[in-house]
Amino acid sequence: MRNSPVVNKSSTEIVSFVLDKATLFYDGQCPICLREMHWLNKFKATGLQLINVHDMLSLSADERERLLRRLHLKQADGRWLMDMDASVAAWSFTPFGFLLQPLRWRLFARLVDHFYERWADKRYCRVYGCSLPPSAAEKY
C-alpha cells in the first residue's frame, strides 16, 4: 500500500474532517466517479466520509491536482492510501467490500494497478489537461 501525504495539514478542510473516520477524496466532476460515490454513499457504514475535492476551496493548485489525478483515502489513523488501495479500502465500509478484496491479491494487484493508473491518467488529461506528465504521478 502506498502512502501519500497530499494535503497541507493547515488547510481548514483538514481540520473540519471528522477525525475518527476514513475520508475518501473524489472528483465531483467525473461522471464515473460520481456514479461510484452514489453507490458507496448508499451502502457505506458511518466510518467513511466522502469529500468532493472541488468543495475544498483552500487547497493549493498542486494539492488539488494530486487529489484529482488519483483516488485518495485518508484512514482514521492518519495513513493515506491511493489508487486501488483507496478504492478497496473505501468499499470495505460496505457489505460488498469482500468482493473487491481479490483485486489486492498479489496474483492480480499488479495488473489491476497498471490498468487503474493508465485509466486515471487518461481521465485526468481528458478532463483537465495535463500539467504533470503521467510518469510524474508515480512520484507521490
Protein backbone atom coordinates (compact mmCIF):
# COMPACT_ATOMS: atom_id res chain seq x y z
CA MET A 1 0.00 0.00 0.00
CA ARG A 2 1.29 3.43 -0.91
CA ASN A 3 1.03 6.36 1.43
CA SER A 4 0.60 9.88 0.12
CA PRO A 5 0.62 12.87 2.46
CA VAL A 6 -1.17 15.08 -0.01
CA VAL A 7 -2.85 17.88 1.81
CA ASN A 8 -1.26 20.67 3.80
CA LYS A 9 -2.18 19.98 7.43
CA SER A 10 -3.01 23.65 7.95
CA SER A 11 -5.82 23.55 5.38
CA THR A 12 -9.11 24.42 7.01
CA GLU A 13 -10.77 21.48 5.25
CA ILE A 14 -8.47 19.02 7.03
CA VAL A 15 -9.45 20.46 10.39
CA SER A 16 -13.14 20.13 9.53
CA PHE A 17 -12.95 16.39 8.82
CA VAL A 18 -14.29 14.01 11.39
CA LEU A 19 -11.00 12.68 12.71
CA ASP A 20 -12.23 9.21 13.70
CA LYS A 21 -13.48 8.41 10.20
CA ALA A 22 -11.81 7.39 6.98
CA THR A 23 -12.13 10.08 4.32
CA LEU A 24 -12.30 9.34 0.60
CA PHE A 25 -11.47 12.28 -1.69
CA TYR A 26 -13.10 12.09 -5.12
CA ASP A 27 -13.51 14.16 -8.28
CA GLY A 28 -17.06 15.50 -8.27
CA GLN A 29 -16.79 16.49 -11.95
CA CYS A 30 -16.09 12.95 -13.13
CA PRO A 31 -19.29 11.09 -14.15
CA ILE A 32 -17.78 7.66 -13.42
CA CYS A 33 -16.50 8.86 -10.05
CA LEU A 34 -19.90 10.34 -9.18
CA ARG A 35 -21.64 7.08 -10.05
CA GLU A 36 -19.29 5.14 -7.77
CA MET A 37 -19.73 7.70 -4.96
CA HIS A 38 -23.52 7.41 -5.31
CA TRP A 39 -23.31 3.66 -4.69
CA LEU A 40 -20.69 3.99 -1.95
CA ASN A 41 -22.81 6.61 -0.17
CA LYS A 42 -25.88 4.41 -0.43
CA PHE A 43 -24.25 1.39 1.22
CA LYS A 44 -21.38 2.75 3.35
CA ALA A 45 -21.12 2.48 7.10
CA THR A 46 -20.77 5.58 9.25
CA GLY A 47 -16.98 5.12 9.47
CA LEU A 48 -16.43 6.54 5.96
CA GLN A 49 -16.97 10.08 4.75
CA LEU A 50 -16.87 11.17 1.11
CA ILE A 51 -15.35 14.54 0.18
CA ASN A 52 -15.64 16.17 -3.24
CA VAL A 53 -12.23 17.73 -3.95
CA HIS A 54 -13.98 20.64 -5.70
CA ASP A 55 -15.61 21.60 -2.40
CA MET A 56 -12.20 22.09 -0.77
CA LEU A 57 -11.61 25.75 -1.51
CA SER A 58 -8.32 26.41 0.26
CA LEU A 59 -6.22 23.73 -1.47
CA SER A 60 -3.17 24.84 -3.41
CA ALA A 61 -3.12 24.06 -7.13
CA ASP A 62 -0.64 21.22 -6.53
CA GLU A 63 -2.74 19.68 -3.75
CA ARG A 64 -5.89 19.90 -5.88
CA GLU A 65 -4.15 18.32 -8.86
CA ARG A 66 -2.80 15.41 -6.80
CA LEU A 67 -6.21 14.71 -5.28
CA LEU A 68 -7.96 14.95 -8.66
CA ARG A 69 -5.42 12.79 -10.52
CA ARG A 70 -5.89 9.73 -8.33
CA LEU A 71 -8.28 8.44 -5.72
CA HIS A 72 -7.04 9.13 -2.16
CA LEU A 73 -8.31 7.83 1.15
CA LYS A 74 -7.11 9.14 4.49
CA GLN A 75 -7.62 6.48 7.12
CA ALA A 76 -8.83 7.33 10.61
CA ASP A 77 -5.30 6.72 11.93
CA GLY A 78 -3.90 9.34 9.52
CA ARG A 79 -2.34 6.99 6.95
CA TRP A 80 -3.01 7.69 3.27
CA LEU A 81 -3.98 5.13 0.64
CA MET A 82 -4.06 5.81 -3.10
CA ASP A 83 -5.48 4.31 -6.26
CA MET A 84 -6.94 0.81 -5.97
CA ASP A 85 -5.79 0.53 -2.35
CA ALA A 86 -8.04 3.53 -1.62
CA SER A 87 -10.95 2.13 -3.59
CA VAL A 88 -10.82 -1.31 -1.99
CA ALA A 89 -10.47 0.26 1.47
CA ALA A 90 -13.48 2.51 0.83
CA TRP A 91 -15.62 -0.40 -0.33
CA SER A 92 -14.62 -2.32 2.81
CA PHE A 93 -17.05 0.03 4.61
CA THR A 94 -19.92 -1.60 2.69
CA PRO A 95 -21.41 -5.10 2.79
CA PHE A 96 -19.80 -5.68 -0.64
CA GLY A 97 -16.20 -4.96 0.32
CA PHE A 98 -15.23 -8.61 0.37
CA LEU A 99 -15.94 -8.78 -3.37
CA LEU A 100 -13.10 -6.35 -4.12
CA GLN A 101 -10.50 -7.95 -1.84
CA PRO A 102 -9.19 -10.24 -4.64
CA LEU A 103 -8.11 -7.10 -6.53
CA ARG A 104 -5.38 -6.66 -3.90
CA TRP A 105 -4.17 -10.27 -4.02
CA ARG A 106 -0.59 -10.48 -5.25
CA LEU A 107 -1.75 -12.50 -8.27
CA PHE A 108 -3.98 -9.67 -9.57
CA ALA A 109 -2.82 -6.46 -7.88
CA ARG A 110 -0.02 -5.54 -10.26
CA LEU A 111 -2.22 -5.90 -13.34
CA VAL A 112 -5.17 -4.11 -11.72
CA ASP A 113 -2.90 -1.26 -10.60
CA HIS A 114 -1.44 -0.92 -14.09
CA PHE A 115 -4.87 -0.58 -15.69
CA TYR A 116 -6.15 1.77 -12.98
CA GLU A 117 -3.11 4.06 -13.31
CA ARG A 118 -3.45 4.23 -17.10
CA TRP A 119 -7.18 4.92 -16.85
CA ALA A 120 -6.71 7.57 -14.13
CA ASP A 121 -4.02 9.41 -16.12
CA LYS A 122 -6.10 9.38 -19.31
CA ARG A 123 -9.23 10.51 -17.44
CA TYR A 124 -7.38 13.38 -15.80
CA CYS A 125 -5.76 14.52 -19.05
CA ARG A 126 -9.05 14.33 -20.92
CA VAL A 127 -10.94 16.37 -18.32
CA TYR A 128 -8.30 18.83 -17.05
CA GLY A 129 -5.37 18.71 -19.44
CA CYS A 130 -2.01 17.53 -18.18
CA SER A 131 0.26 19.85 -16.25
CA LEU A 132 2.24 16.84 -14.93
CA PRO A 133 3.43 14.06 -17.22
CA PRO A 134 1.75 10.73 -16.35
CA SER A 135 5.06 9.29 -15.10
CA ALA A 136 5.26 12.08 -12.51
CA ALA A 137 2.14 10.71 -10.83
CA GLU A 138 4.21 7.76 -9.59
CA LYS A 139 6.48 10.07 -7.58
CA TYR A 140 3.94 10.84 -4.86
